[in-house]
PDB file of N, CA and C in Angstrom:
ATOM      1  N   UNK A   1     -27.763 -22.642 -12.439  1.00  0.00           N
ATOM      2  CA  UNK A   1     -28.034 -23.756 -11.564  1.00  0.00           C
ATOM      3  C   UNK A   1     -26.867 -24.733 -11.625  1.00  0.00           C
ATOM      4  N   UNK A   2     -26.389 -25.142 -10.483  1.00  0.00           N
ATOM      5  CA  UNK A   2     -25.289 -26.101 -10.412  1.00  0.00           C
ATOM      6  C   UNK A   2     -25.845 -27.507 -10.608  1.00  0.00           C
ATOM      7  N   UNK A   3     -25.287 -28.198 -11.565  1.00  0.00           N
ATOM      8  CA  UNK A   3     -25.721 -29.547 -11.905  1.00  0.00           C
ATOM      9  C   UNK A   3     -24.830 -30.587 -11.241  1.00  0.00           C
ATOM     10  N   UNK A   4     -25.408 -31.739 -11.010  1.00  0.00           N
ATOM     11  CA  UNK A   4     -24.645 -32.899 -10.587  1.00  0.00           C
ATOM     12  C   UNK A   4     -23.513 -33.075 -11.599  1.00  0.00           C
ATOM     13  N   UNK A   5     -22.305 -33.360 -11.144  1.00  0.00           N
ATOM     14  CA  UNK A   5     -21.178 -33.493 -12.078  1.00  0.00           C
ATOM     15  C   UNK A   5     -21.428 -34.509 -13.194  1.00  0.00           C
ATOM     16  N   UNK A   6     -22.271 -35.504 -12.937  1.00  0.00           N
ATOM     17  CA  UNK A   6     -22.572 -36.510 -13.960  1.00  0.00           C
ATOM     18  C   UNK A   6     -23.461 -35.967 -15.075  1.00  0.00           C
ATOM     19  N   UNK A   7     -24.049 -34.788 -14.854  1.00  0.00           N
ATOM     20  CA  UNK A   7     -24.913 -34.161 -15.860  1.00  0.00           C
ATOM     21  C   UNK A   7     -24.328 -32.857 -16.393  1.00  0.00           C
ATOM     22  N   UNK A   8     -23.251 -32.408 -15.809  1.00  0.00           N
ATOM     23  CA  UNK A   8     -22.726 -31.078 -16.132  1.00  0.00           C
ATOM     24  C   UNK A   8     -22.375 -30.917 -17.609  1.00  0.00           C
ATOM     25  N   UNK A   9     -21.707 -31.888 -18.201  1.00  0.00           N
ATOM     26  CA  UNK A   9     -21.319 -31.758 -19.604  1.00  0.00           C
ATOM     27  C   UNK A   9     -22.543 -31.722 -20.511  1.00  0.00           C
ATOM     28  N   UNK A  10     -23.504 -32.583 -20.254  1.00  0.00           N
ATOM     29  CA  UNK A  10     -24.725 -32.572 -21.061  1.00  0.00           C
ATOM     30  C   UNK A  10     -25.446 -31.231 -20.927  1.00  0.00           C
ATOM     31  N   UNK A  11     -25.462 -30.704 -19.732  1.00  0.00           N
ATOM     32  CA  UNK A  11     -26.099 -29.408 -19.504  1.00  0.00           C
ATOM     33  C   UNK A  11     -25.371 -28.298 -20.262  1.00  0.00           C
ATOM     34  N   UNK A  12     -24.040 -28.347 -20.280  1.00  0.00           N
ATOM     35  CA  UNK A  12     -23.278 -27.362 -21.043  1.00  0.00           C
ATOM     36  C   UNK A  12     -23.583 -27.472 -22.536  1.00  0.00           C
ATOM     37  N   UNK A  13     -23.745 -28.688 -23.015  1.00  0.00           N
ATOM     38  CA  UNK A  13     -24.061 -28.887 -24.430  1.00  0.00           C
ATOM     39  C   UNK A  13     -25.419 -28.280 -24.798  1.00  0.00           C
ATOM     40  N   UNK A  14     -26.289 -28.155 -23.825  1.00  0.00           N
ATOM     41  CA  UNK A  14     -27.591 -27.532 -24.084  1.00  0.00           C
ATOM     42  C   UNK A  14     -27.446 -26.077 -24.507  1.00  0.00           C
ATOM     43  N   UNK A  15     -26.392 -25.417 -24.078  1.00  0.00           N
ATOM     44  CA  UNK A  15     -26.179 -24.023 -24.498  1.00  0.00           C
ATOM     45  C   UNK A  15     -25.980 -23.951 -26.009  1.00  0.00           C
ATOM     46  N   UNK A  16     -25.230 -24.890 -26.547  1.00  0.00           N
ATOM     47  CA  UNK A  16     -25.033 -24.939 -27.996  1.00  0.00           C
ATOM     48  C   UNK A  16     -26.354 -25.227 -28.690  1.00  0.00           C
ATOM     49  N   UNK A  17     -27.118 -26.172 -28.143  1.00  0.00           N
ATOM     50  CA  UNK A  17     -28.413 -26.509 -28.743  1.00  0.00           C
ATOM     51  C   UNK A  17     -29.349 -25.300 -28.751  1.00  0.00           C
ATOM     52  N   UNK A  18     -29.337 -24.525 -27.687  1.00  0.00           N
ATOM     53  CA  UNK A  18     -30.173 -23.320 -27.646  1.00  0.00           C
ATOM     54  C   UNK A  18     -29.730 -22.302 -28.693  1.00  0.00           C
ATOM     55  N   UNK A  19     -28.427 -22.172 -28.871  1.00  0.00           N
ATOM     56  CA  UNK A  19     -27.918 -21.259 -29.896  1.00  0.00           C
ATOM     57  C   UNK A  19     -28.376 -21.704 -31.282  1.00  0.00           C
ATOM     58  N   UNK A  20     -28.287 -22.994 -31.552  1.00  0.00           N
ATOM     59  CA  UNK A  20     -28.746 -23.529 -32.837  1.00  0.00           C
ATOM     60  C   UNK A  20     -30.244 -23.288 -32.990  1.00  0.00           C
ATOM     61  N   UNK A  21     -30.999 -23.531 -31.933  1.00  0.00           N
ATOM     62  CA  UNK A  21     -32.444 -23.316 -31.980  1.00  0.00           C
ATOM     63  C   UNK A  21     -32.799 -21.874 -32.300  1.00  0.00           C
ATOM     64  N   UNK A  22     -32.118 -20.946 -31.666  1.00  0.00           N
ATOM     65  CA  UNK A  22     -32.386 -19.528 -31.937  1.00  0.00           C
ATOM     66  C   UNK A  22     -32.039 -19.157 -33.373  1.00  0.00           C
ATOM     67  N   UNK A  23     -30.935 -19.690 -33.873  1.00  0.00           N
ATOM     68  CA  UNK A  23     -30.553 -19.413 -35.270  1.00  0.00           C
ATOM     69  C   UNK A  23     -31.582 -19.987 -36.245  1.00  0.00           C
ATOM     70  N   UNK A  24     -32.102 -21.169 -35.939  1.00  0.00           N
ATOM     71  CA  UNK A  24     -33.127 -21.764 -36.794  1.00  0.00           C
ATOM     72  C   UNK A  24     -34.404 -20.922 -36.791  1.00  0.00           C
ATOM     73  N   UNK A  25     -34.741 -20.365 -35.650  1.00  0.00           N
ATOM     74  CA  UNK A  25     -35.916 -19.489 -35.571  1.00  0.00           C
ATOM     75  C   UNK A  25     -35.758 -18.284 -36.495  1.00  0.00           C
ATOM     76  N   UNK A  26     -34.543 -17.804 -36.641  1.00  0.00           N
ATOM     77  CA  UNK A  26     -34.276 -16.652 -37.502  1.00  0.00           C
ATOM     78  C   UNK A  26     -34.351 -17.018 -38.985  1.00  0.00           C
ATOM     79  N   UNK A  27     -34.162 -18.304 -39.296  1.00  0.00           N
ATOM     80  CA  UNK A  27     -34.221 -18.761 -40.689  1.00  0.00           C
ATOM     81  C   UNK A  27     -32.861 -18.757 -41.351  1.00  0.00           C
ATOM     82  N   UNK A  28     -32.747 -19.555 -42.393  1.00  0.00           N
ATOM     83  CA  UNK A  28     -31.504 -19.614 -43.161  1.00  0.00           C
ATOM     84  C   UNK A  28     -30.340 -20.211 -42.403  1.00  0.00           C
ATOM     85  N   UNK A  29     -30.611 -21.103 -41.464  1.00  0.00           N
ATOM     86  CA  UNK A  29     -29.551 -21.617 -40.602  1.00  0.00           C
ATOM     87  C   UNK A  29     -29.284 -23.101 -40.818  1.00  0.00           C
ATOM     88  N   UNK A  30     -29.630 -23.622 -41.967  1.00  0.00           N
ATOM     89  CA  UNK A  30     -29.405 -25.053 -42.187  1.00  0.00           C
ATOM     90  C   UNK A  30     -27.923 -25.403 -42.092  1.00  0.00           C
ATOM     91  N   UNK A  31     -27.032 -24.490 -42.483  1.00  0.00           N
ATOM     92  CA  UNK A  31     -25.595 -24.752 -42.379  1.00  0.00           C
ATOM     93  C   UNK A  31     -25.162 -24.842 -40.915  1.00  0.00           C
ATOM     94  N   UNK A  32     -25.740 -24.005 -40.061  1.00  0.00           N
ATOM     95  CA  UNK A  32     -25.426 -24.051 -38.633  1.00  0.00           C
ATOM     96  C   UNK A  32     -25.858 -25.394 -38.062  1.00  0.00           C
ATOM     97  N   UNK A  33     -27.055 -25.820 -38.420  1.00  0.00           N
ATOM     98  CA  UNK A  33     -27.536 -27.114 -37.968  1.00  0.00           C
ATOM     99  C   UNK A  33     -26.630 -28.222 -38.484  1.00  0.00           C
ATOM    100  N   UNK A  34     -26.252 -28.150 -39.754  1.00  0.00           N
ATOM    101  CA  UNK A  34     -25.380 -29.166 -40.323  1.00  0.00           C
ATOM    102  C   UNK A  34     -24.061 -29.286 -39.580  1.00  0.00           C
ATOM    103  N   UNK A  35     -23.525 -28.165 -39.152  1.00  0.00           N
ATOM    104  CA  UNK A  35     -22.256 -28.165 -38.427  1.00  0.00           C
ATOM    105  C   UNK A  35     -22.383 -28.793 -37.043  1.00  0.00           C
ATOM    106  N   UNK A  36     -23.563 -28.744 -36.464  1.00  0.00           N
ATOM    107  CA  UNK A  36     -23.782 -29.257 -35.107  1.00  0.00           C
ATOM    108  C   UNK A  36     -24.525 -30.591 -35.077  1.00  0.00           C
ATOM    109  N   UNK A  37     -24.962 -31.078 -36.222  1.00  0.00           N
ATOM    110  CA  UNK A  37     -25.834 -32.256 -36.246  1.00  0.00           C
ATOM    111  C   UNK A  37     -25.173 -33.499 -35.647  1.00  0.00           C
ATOM    112  N   UNK A  38     -23.898 -33.731 -35.915  1.00  0.00           N
ATOM    113  CA  UNK A  38     -23.227 -34.893 -35.323  1.00  0.00           C
ATOM    114  C   UNK A  38     -23.163 -34.772 -33.809  1.00  0.00           C
ATOM    115  N   UNK A  39     -22.877 -33.576 -33.317  1.00  0.00           N
ATOM    116  CA  UNK A  39     -22.811 -33.365 -31.870  1.00  0.00           C
ATOM    117  C   UNK A  39     -24.187 -33.554 -31.235  1.00  0.00           C
ATOM    118  N   UNK A  40     -25.227 -33.074 -31.895  1.00  0.00           N
ATOM    119  CA  UNK A  40     -26.580 -33.260 -31.375  1.00  0.00           C
ATOM    120  C   UNK A  40     -26.954 -34.740 -31.367  1.00  0.00           C
ATOM    121  N   UNK A  41     -26.599 -35.455 -32.418  1.00  0.00           N
ATOM    122  CA  UNK A  41     -26.895 -36.889 -32.482  1.00  0.00           C
ATOM    123  C   UNK A  41     -26.176 -37.640 -31.362  1.00  0.00           C
ATOM    124  N   UNK A  42     -24.920 -37.297 -31.116  1.00  0.00           N
ATOM    125  CA  UNK A  42     -24.162 -37.934 -30.034  1.00  0.00           C
ATOM    126  C   UNK A  42     -24.771 -37.602 -28.677  1.00  0.00           C
ATOM    127  N   UNK A  43     -25.202 -36.370 -28.512  1.00  0.00           N
ATOM    128  CA  UNK A  43     -25.853 -35.927 -27.270  1.00  0.00           C
ATOM    129  C   UNK A  43     -27.122 -36.747 -27.020  1.00  0.00           C
ATOM    130  N   UNK A  44     -27.959 -36.873 -28.046  1.00  0.00           N
ATOM    131  CA  UNK A  44     -29.191 -37.653 -27.915  1.00  0.00           C
ATOM    132  C   UNK A  44     -28.869 -39.104 -27.555  1.00  0.00           C
ATOM    133  N   UNK A  45     -27.898 -39.693 -28.246  1.00  0.00           N
ATOM    134  CA  UNK A  45     -27.541 -41.091 -28.015  1.00  0.00           C
ATOM    135  C   UNK A  45     -27.058 -41.304 -26.579  1.00  0.00           C
ATOM    136  N   UNK A  46     -26.254 -40.368 -26.075  1.00  0.00           N
ATOM    137  CA  UNK A  46     -25.762 -40.496 -24.701  1.00  0.00           C
ATOM    138  C   UNK A  46     -26.907 -40.402 -23.697  1.00  0.00           C
ATOM    139  N   UNK A  47     -27.798 -39.438 -23.896  1.00  0.00           N
ATOM    140  CA  UNK A  47     -28.939 -39.320 -22.991  1.00  0.00           C
ATOM    141  C   UNK A  47     -29.794 -40.580 -23.019  1.00  0.00           C
ATOM    142  N   UNK A  48     -30.045 -41.091 -24.198  1.00  0.00           N
ATOM    143  CA  UNK A  48     -30.877 -42.286 -24.312  1.00  0.00           C
ATOM    144  C   UNK A  48     -30.222 -43.493 -23.646  1.00  0.00           C
ATOM    145  N   UNK A  49     -28.927 -43.664 -23.845  1.00  0.00           N
ATOM    146  CA  UNK A  49     -28.219 -44.804 -23.256  1.00  0.00           C
ATOM    147  C   UNK A  49     -28.132 -44.704 -21.737  1.00  0.00           C
ATOM    148  N   UNK A  50     -27.902 -43.496 -21.238  1.00  0.00           N
ATOM    149  CA  UNK A  50     -27.725 -43.322 -19.801  1.00  0.00           C
ATOM    150  C   UNK A  50     -29.039 -43.208 -19.031  1.00  0.00           C
ATOM    151  N   UNK A  51     -30.010 -42.511 -19.606  1.00  0.00           N
ATOM    152  CA  UNK A  51     -31.176 -42.140 -18.815  1.00  0.00           C
ATOM    153  C   UNK A  51     -32.405 -42.997 -19.029  1.00  0.00           C
ATOM    154  N   UNK A  52     -32.613 -43.497 -20.224  1.00  0.00           N
ATOM    155  CA  UNK A  52     -33.822 -44.284 -20.467  1.00  0.00           C
ATOM    156  C   UNK A  52     -33.874 -45.512 -19.559  1.00  0.00           C
ATOM    157  N   UNK A  53     -32.804 -46.309 -19.461  1.00  0.00           N
ATOM    158  CA  UNK A  53     -32.876 -47.453 -18.541  1.00  0.00           C
ATOM    159  C   UNK A  53     -33.092 -47.032 -17.087  1.00  0.00           C
ATOM    160  N   UNK A  54     -32.400 -45.986 -16.657  1.00  0.00           N
ATOM    161  CA  UNK A  54     -32.545 -45.507 -15.283  1.00  0.00           C
ATOM    162  C   UNK A  54     -33.985 -45.081 -15.004  1.00  0.00           C
ATOM    163  N   UNK A  55     -34.542 -44.297 -15.908  1.00  0.00           N
ATOM    164  CA  UNK A  55     -35.909 -43.816 -15.720  1.00  0.00           C
ATOM    165  C   UNK A  55     -36.899 -44.979 -15.688  1.00  0.00           C
ATOM    166  N   UNK A  56     -36.732 -45.930 -16.570  1.00  0.00           N
ATOM    167  CA  UNK A  56     -37.641 -47.085 -16.597  1.00  0.00           C
ATOM    168  C   UNK A  56     -37.519 -47.916 -15.320  1.00  0.00           C
ATOM    169  N   UNK A  57     -36.284 -48.139 -14.875  1.00  0.00           N
ATOM    170  CA  UNK A  57     -36.059 -48.939 -13.659  1.00  0.00           C
ATOM    171  C   UNK A  57     -36.639 -48.283 -12.418  1.00  0.00           C
ATOM    172  N   UNK A  58     -36.680 -46.968 -12.409  1.00  0.00           N
ATOM    173  CA  UNK A  58     -37.113 -46.232 -11.215  1.00  0.00           C
ATOM    174  C   UNK A  58     -38.543 -45.721 -11.296  1.00  0.00           C
ATOM    175  N   UNK A  59     -39.333 -46.290 -12.195  1.00  0.00           N
ATOM    176  CA  UNK A  59     -40.748 -45.947 -12.243  1.00  0.00           C
ATOM    177  C   UNK A  59     -41.079 -44.663 -12.968  1.00  0.00           C
ATOM    178  N   UNK A  60     -40.171 -44.176 -13.788  1.00  0.00           N
ATOM    179  CA  UNK A  60     -40.393 -42.938 -14.548  1.00  0.00           C
ATOM    180  C   UNK A  60     -40.462 -43.238 -16.046  1.00  0.00           C
ATOM    181  N   UNK A  61     -41.180 -44.314 -16.388  1.00  0.00           N
ATOM    182  CA  UNK A  61     -41.264 -44.746 -17.786  1.00  0.00           C
ATOM    183  C   UNK A  61     -41.870 -43.670 -18.684  1.00  0.00           C
ATOM    184  N   UNK A  62     -42.811 -42.903 -18.170  1.00  0.00           N
ATOM    185  CA  UNK A  62     -43.434 -41.857 -18.992  1.00  0.00           C
ATOM    186  C   UNK A  62     -42.400 -40.813 -19.407  1.00  0.00           C
ATOM    187  N   UNK A  63     -41.487 -40.472 -18.510  1.00  0.00           N
ATOM    188  CA  UNK A  63     -40.428 -39.514 -18.862  1.00  0.00           C
ATOM    189  C   UNK A  63     -39.466 -40.122 -19.881  1.00  0.00           C
ATOM    190  N   UNK A  64     -39.157 -41.400 -19.716  1.00  0.00           N
ATOM    191  CA  UNK A  64     -38.287 -42.074 -20.685  1.00  0.00           C
ATOM    192  C   UNK A  64     -38.922 -42.051 -22.069  1.00  0.00           C
ATOM    193  N   UNK A  65     -40.200 -42.331 -22.127  1.00  0.00           N
ATOM    194  CA  UNK A  65     -40.889 -42.350 -23.419  1.00  0.00           C
ATOM    195  C   UNK A  65     -40.967 -40.949 -24.018  1.00  0.00           C
ATOM    196  N   UNK A  66     -41.177 -39.952 -23.176  1.00  0.00           N
ATOM    197  CA  UNK A  66     -41.201 -38.578 -23.695  1.00  0.00           C
ATOM    198  C   UNK A  66     -39.843 -38.198 -24.277  1.00  0.00           C
ATOM    199  N   UNK A  67     -38.780 -38.551 -23.575  1.00  0.00           N
ATOM    200  CA  UNK A  67     -37.437 -38.261 -24.065  1.00  0.00           C
ATOM    201  C   UNK A  67     -37.220 -38.904 -25.435  1.00  0.00           C
ATOM    202  N   UNK A  68     -37.565 -40.177 -25.559  1.00  0.00           N
ATOM    203  CA  UNK A  68     -37.394 -40.883 -26.830  1.00  0.00           C
ATOM    204  C   UNK A  68     -38.261 -40.286 -27.933  1.00  0.00           C
ATOM    205  N   UNK A  69     -39.494 -39.957 -27.598  1.00  0.00           N
ATOM    206  CA  UNK A  69     -40.424 -39.372 -28.575  1.00  0.00           C
ATOM    207  C   UNK A  69     -39.919 -38.035 -29.087  1.00  0.00           C
ATOM    208  N   UNK A  70     -39.462 -37.180 -28.174  1.00  0.00           N
ATOM    209  CA  UNK A  70     -38.973 -35.861 -28.580  1.00  0.00           C
ATOM    210  C   UNK A  70     -37.690 -35.974 -29.400  1.00  0.00           C
ATOM    211  N   UNK A  71     -36.810 -36.874 -29.016  1.00  0.00           N
ATOM    212  CA  UNK A  71     -35.590 -37.062 -29.810  1.00  0.00           C
ATOM    213  C   UNK A  71     -35.935 -37.532 -31.225  1.00  0.00           C
ATOM    214  N   UNK A  72     -36.862 -38.465 -31.334  1.00  0.00           N
ATOM    215  CA  UNK A  72     -37.261 -38.958 -32.662  1.00  0.00           C
ATOM    216  C   UNK A  72     -37.873 -37.835 -33.495  1.00  0.00           C
ATOM    217  N   UNK A  73     -38.730 -37.041 -32.879  1.00  0.00           N
ATOM    218  CA  UNK A  73     -39.352 -35.921 -33.600  1.00  0.00           C
ATOM    219  C   UNK A  73     -38.292 -34.919 -34.044  1.00  0.00           C
ATOM    220  N   UNK A  74     -37.337 -34.632 -33.174  1.00  0.00           N
ATOM    221  CA  UNK A  74     -36.275 -33.686 -33.527  1.00  0.00           C
ATOM    222  C   UNK A  74     -35.408 -34.217 -34.660  1.00  0.00           C
ATOM    223  N   UNK A  75     -35.116 -35.500 -34.653  1.00  0.00           N
ATOM    224  CA  UNK A  75     -34.330 -36.069 -35.757  1.00  0.00           C
ATOM    225  C   UNK A  75     -35.036 -35.831 -37.093  1.00  0.00           C
ATOM    226  N   UNK A  76     -36.344 -36.035 -37.111  1.00  0.00           N
ATOM    227  CA  UNK A  76     -37.113 -35.778 -38.329  1.00  0.00           C
ATOM    228  C   UNK A  76     -37.108 -34.312 -38.713  1.00  0.00           C
ATOM    229  N   UNK A  77     -37.275 -33.450 -37.728  1.00  0.00           N
ATOM    230  CA  UNK A  77     -37.236 -32.011 -37.999  1.00  0.00           C
ATOM    231  C   UNK A  77     -35.857 -31.564 -38.470  1.00  0.00           C
ATOM    232  N   UNK A  78     -34.803 -32.157 -37.912  1.00  0.00           N
ATOM    233  CA  UNK A  78     -33.449 -31.806 -38.359  1.00  0.00           C
ATOM    234  C   UNK A  78     -33.281 -32.126 -39.840  1.00  0.00           C
ATOM    235  N   UNK A  79     -33.816 -33.254 -40.261  1.00  0.00           N
ATOM    236  CA  UNK A  79     -33.718 -33.627 -41.677  1.00  0.00           C
ATOM    237  C   UNK A  79     -34.431 -32.599 -42.548  1.00  0.00           C
ATOM    238  N   UNK A  80     -35.603 -32.164 -42.102  1.00  0.00           N
ATOM    239  CA  UNK A  80     -36.337 -31.140 -42.855  1.00  0.00           C
ATOM    240  C   UNK A  80     -35.567 -29.819 -42.877  1.00  0.00           C
ATOM    241  N   UNK A  81     -35.074 -29.411 -41.722  1.00  0.00           N
ATOM    242  CA  UNK A  81     -34.364 -28.128 -41.632  1.00  0.00           C
ATOM    243  C   UNK A  81     -33.078 -28.155 -42.453  1.00  0.00           C
ATOM    244  N   UNK A  82     -32.441 -29.305 -42.539  1.00  0.00           N
ATOM    245  CA  UNK A  82     -31.221 -29.404 -43.345  1.00  0.00           C
ATOM    246  C   UNK A  82     -31.511 -29.126 -44.819  1.00  0.00           C
ATOM    247  N   UNK A  83     -32.764 -29.352 -45.224  1.00  0.00           N
ATOM    248  CA  UNK A  83     -33.193 -29.048 -46.597  1.00  0.00           C
ATOM    249  C   UNK A  83     -33.767 -27.634 -46.694  1.00  0.00           C
ATOM    250  N   UNK A  84     -33.668 -26.871 -45.608  1.00  0.00           N
ATOM    251  CA  UNK A  84     -34.188 -25.510 -45.611  1.00  0.00           C
ATOM    252  C   UNK A  84     -35.690 -25.432 -45.356  1.00  0.00           C
ATOM    253  N   UNK A  85     -36.270 -26.508 -44.858  1.00  0.00           N
ATOM    254  CA  UNK A  85     -37.711 -26.562 -44.591  1.00  0.00           C
ATOM    255  C   UNK A  85     -37.965 -26.582 -43.082  1.00  0.00           C
ATOM    256  N   UNK A  86     -39.043 -25.951 -42.668  1.00  0.00           N
ATOM    257  CA  UNK A  86     -39.525 -26.017 -41.280  1.00  0.00           C
ATOM    258  C   UNK A  86     -38.471 -25.575 -40.265  1.00  0.00           C
ATOM    259  N   UNK A  87     -37.636 -24.621 -40.644  1.00  0.00           N
ATOM    260  CA  UNK A  87     -36.558 -24.196 -39.750  1.00  0.00           C
ATOM    261  C   UNK A  87     -37.087 -23.607 -38.443  1.00  0.00           C
ATOM    262  N   UNK A  88     -38.066 -22.721 -38.535  1.00  0.00           N
ATOM    263  CA  UNK A  88     -38.586 -22.098 -37.311  1.00  0.00           C
ATOM    264  C   UNK A  88     -39.219 -23.143 -36.397  1.00  0.00           C
ATOM    265  N   UNK A  89     -39.964 -24.068 -36.974  1.00  0.00           N
ATOM    266  CA  UNK A  89     -40.575 -25.137 -36.177  1.00  0.00           C
ATOM    267  C   UNK A  89     -39.490 -25.993 -35.509  1.00  0.00           C
ATOM    268  N   UNK A  90     -38.447 -26.286 -36.246  1.00  0.00           N
ATOM    269  CA  UNK A  90     -37.345 -27.075 -35.703  1.00  0.00           C
ATOM    270  C   UNK A  90     -36.661 -26.322 -34.569  1.00  0.00           C
ATOM    271  N   UNK A  91     -36.397 -25.049 -34.784  1.00  0.00           N
ATOM    272  CA  UNK A  91     -35.757 -24.242 -33.751  1.00  0.00           C
ATOM    273  C   UNK A  91     -36.569 -24.190 -32.480  1.00  0.00           C
ATOM    274  N   UNK A  92     -37.872 -23.970 -32.619  1.00  0.00           N
ATOM    275  CA  UNK A  92     -38.725 -23.900 -31.431  1.00  0.00           C
ATOM    276  C   UNK A  92     -38.804 -25.248 -30.728  1.00  0.00           C
ATOM    277  N   UNK A  93     -38.894 -26.325 -31.498  1.00  0.00           N
ATOM    278  CA  UNK A  93     -38.941 -27.664 -30.898  1.00  0.00           C
ATOM    279  C   UNK A  93     -37.651 -27.971 -30.142  1.00  0.00           C
ATOM    280  N   UNK A  94     -36.515 -27.566 -30.694  1.00  0.00           N
ATOM    281  CA  UNK A  94     -35.239 -27.805 -30.026  1.00  0.00           C
ATOM    282  C   UNK A  94     -35.147 -27.000 -28.731  1.00  0.00           C
ATOM    283  N   UNK A  95     -35.542 -25.752 -28.783  1.00  0.00           N
ATOM    284  CA  UNK A  95     -35.535 -24.906 -27.580  1.00  0.00           C
ATOM    285  C   UNK A  95     -36.473 -25.487 -26.518  1.00  0.00           C
ATOM    286  N   UNK A  96     -37.670 -25.868 -26.925  1.00  0.00           N
ATOM    287  CA  UNK A  96     -38.635 -26.443 -25.972  1.00  0.00           C
ATOM    288  C   UNK A  96     -38.094 -27.729 -25.349  1.00  0.00           C
ATOM    289  N   UNK A  97     -37.413 -28.542 -26.158  1.00  0.00           N
ATOM    290  CA  UNK A  97     -36.868 -29.800 -25.651  1.00  0.00           C
ATOM    291  C   UNK A  97     -35.760 -29.542 -24.625  1.00  0.00           C
ATOM    292  N   UNK A  98     -34.874 -28.609 -24.915  1.00  0.00           N
ATOM    293  CA  UNK A  98     -33.811 -28.285 -23.961  1.00  0.00           C
ATOM    294  C   UNK A  98     -34.424 -27.781 -22.656  1.00  0.00           C
ATOM    295  N   UNK A  99     -35.415 -26.946 -22.757  1.00  0.00           N
ATOM    296  CA  UNK A  99     -36.076 -26.435 -21.540  1.00  0.00           C
ATOM    297  C   UNK A  99     -36.703 -27.573 -20.737  1.00  0.00           C
ATOM    298  N   UNK A 100     -37.354 -28.521 -21.433  1.00  0.00           N
ATOM    299  CA  UNK A 100     -37.916 -29.701 -20.753  1.00  0.00           C
ATOM    300  C   UNK A 100     -36.818 -30.450 -19.998  1.00  0.00           C
ATOM    301  N   UNK A 101     -35.703 -30.681 -20.665  1.00  0.00           N
ATOM    302  CA  UNK A 101     -34.638 -31.435 -20.011  1.00  0.00           C
ATOM    303  C   UNK A 101     -34.072 -30.680 -18.820  1.00  0.00           C
ATOM    304  N   UNK A 102     -33.790 -29.401 -18.998  1.00  0.00           N
ATOM    305  CA  UNK A 102     -33.170 -28.627 -17.914  1.00  0.00           C
ATOM    306  C   UNK A 102     -34.127 -28.391 -16.741  1.00  0.00           C
ATOM    307  N   UNK A 103     -35.385 -28.161 -17.027  1.00  0.00           N
ATOM    308  CA  UNK A 103     -36.336 -27.787 -15.972  1.00  0.00           C
ATOM    309  C   UNK A 103     -37.055 -28.972 -15.343  1.00  0.00           C
ATOM    310  N   UNK A 104     -37.260 -30.039 -16.112  1.00  0.00           N
ATOM    311  CA  UNK A 104     -38.035 -31.172 -15.606  1.00  0.00           C
ATOM    312  C   UNK A 104     -37.220 -32.451 -15.490  1.00  0.00           C
ATOM    313  N   UNK A 105     -36.605 -32.849 -16.596  1.00  0.00           N
ATOM    314  CA  UNK A 105     -35.950 -34.148 -16.639  1.00  0.00           C
ATOM    315  C   UNK A 105     -34.691 -34.205 -15.775  1.00  0.00           C
ATOM    316  N   UNK A 106     -33.781 -33.260 -15.947  1.00  0.00           N
ATOM    317  CA  UNK A 106     -32.521 -33.325 -15.219  1.00  0.00           C
ATOM    318  C   UNK A 106     -32.706 -33.257 -13.707  1.00  0.00           C
ATOM    319  N   UNK A 107     -33.600 -32.429 -13.168  1.00  0.00           N
ATOM    320  CA  UNK A 107     -33.798 -32.465 -11.713  1.00  0.00           C
ATOM    321  C   UNK A 107     -34.267 -33.835 -11.215  1.00  0.00           C
ATOM    322  N   UNK A 108     -35.116 -34.500 -11.987  1.00  0.00           N
ATOM    323  CA  UNK A 108     -35.566 -35.834 -11.584  1.00  0.00           C
ATOM    324  C   UNK A 108     -34.409 -36.822 -11.663  1.00  0.00           C
ATOM    325  N   UNK A 109     -33.634 -36.746 -12.730  1.00  0.00           N
ATOM    326  CA  UNK A 109     -32.490 -37.645 -12.870  1.00  0.00           C
ATOM    327  C   UNK A 109     -31.483 -37.413 -11.752  1.00  0.00           C
ATOM    328  N   UNK A 110     -31.245 -36.159 -11.401  1.00  0.00           N
ATOM    329  CA  UNK A 110     -30.331 -35.882 -10.289  1.00  0.00           C
ATOM    330  C   UNK A 110     -30.817 -36.558  -9.009  1.00  0.00           C
ATOM    331  N   UNK A 111     -32.103 -36.483  -8.762  1.00  0.00           N
ATOM    332  CA  UNK A 111     -32.653 -37.150  -7.573  1.00  0.00           C
ATOM    333  C   UNK A 111     -32.475 -38.661  -7.640  1.00  0.00           C
ATOM    334  N   UNK A 112     -32.689 -39.233  -8.810  1.00  0.00           N
ATOM    335  CA  UNK A 112     -32.517 -40.681  -8.963  1.00  0.00           C
ATOM    336  C   UNK A 112     -31.050 -41.088  -8.799  1.00  0.00           C
ATOM    337  N   UNK A 113     -30.146 -40.269  -9.324  1.00  0.00           N
ATOM    338  CA  UNK A 113     -28.719 -40.570  -9.196  1.00  0.00           C
ATOM    339  C   UNK A 113     -28.266 -40.486  -7.737  1.00  0.00           C
ATOM    340  N   UNK A 114     -28.791 -39.506  -7.023  1.00  0.00           N
ATOM    341  CA  UNK A 114     -28.416 -39.351  -5.608  1.00  0.00           C
ATOM    342  C   UNK A 114     -28.970 -40.487  -4.775  1.00  0.00           C
ATOM    343  N   UNK A 115     -30.111 -41.029  -5.165  1.00  0.00           N
ATOM    344  CA  UNK A 115     -30.730 -42.111  -4.417  1.00  0.00           C
ATOM    345  C   UNK A 115     -30.175 -43.483  -4.799  1.00  0.00           C
ATOM    346  N   UNK A 116     -29.353 -43.516  -5.860  1.00  0.00           N
ATOM    347  CA  UNK A 116     -28.817 -44.802  -6.335  1.00  0.00           C
ATOM    348  C   UNK A 116     -27.911 -45.415  -5.279  1.00  0.00           C
ATOM    349  N   UNK A 117     -28.013 -46.735  -5.138  1.00  0.00           N
ATOM    350  CA  UNK A 117     -27.172 -47.420  -4.133  1.00  0.00           C
ATOM    351  C   UNK A 117     -25.709 -47.411  -4.519  1.00  0.00           C
TER     352      UNK A 117
END
């Protein structure tokens, strides 16, 4: 799917997140997560800074809150997985979150960006 250029880089970063998620599902991947954790944190921060205000301003507060809630939950799961705990749960949560963003959130954001004055 071709993304709005303003979302293209974030969408590309989702491929890395999916790879990390799949490795976590397999187990023993805390080192993989550790290597990507800074990039994931930066990705979350960028999405929150760019999209939460936009979503709230345009009447999509529930989506903004879901984004924040899932990011917070993932941060907690990342901490557990870094200790070798709950890796499969973390992997599945990360995969589910990327799918939510790609299938639900990003199409709505693209529409909001196109409608922006």
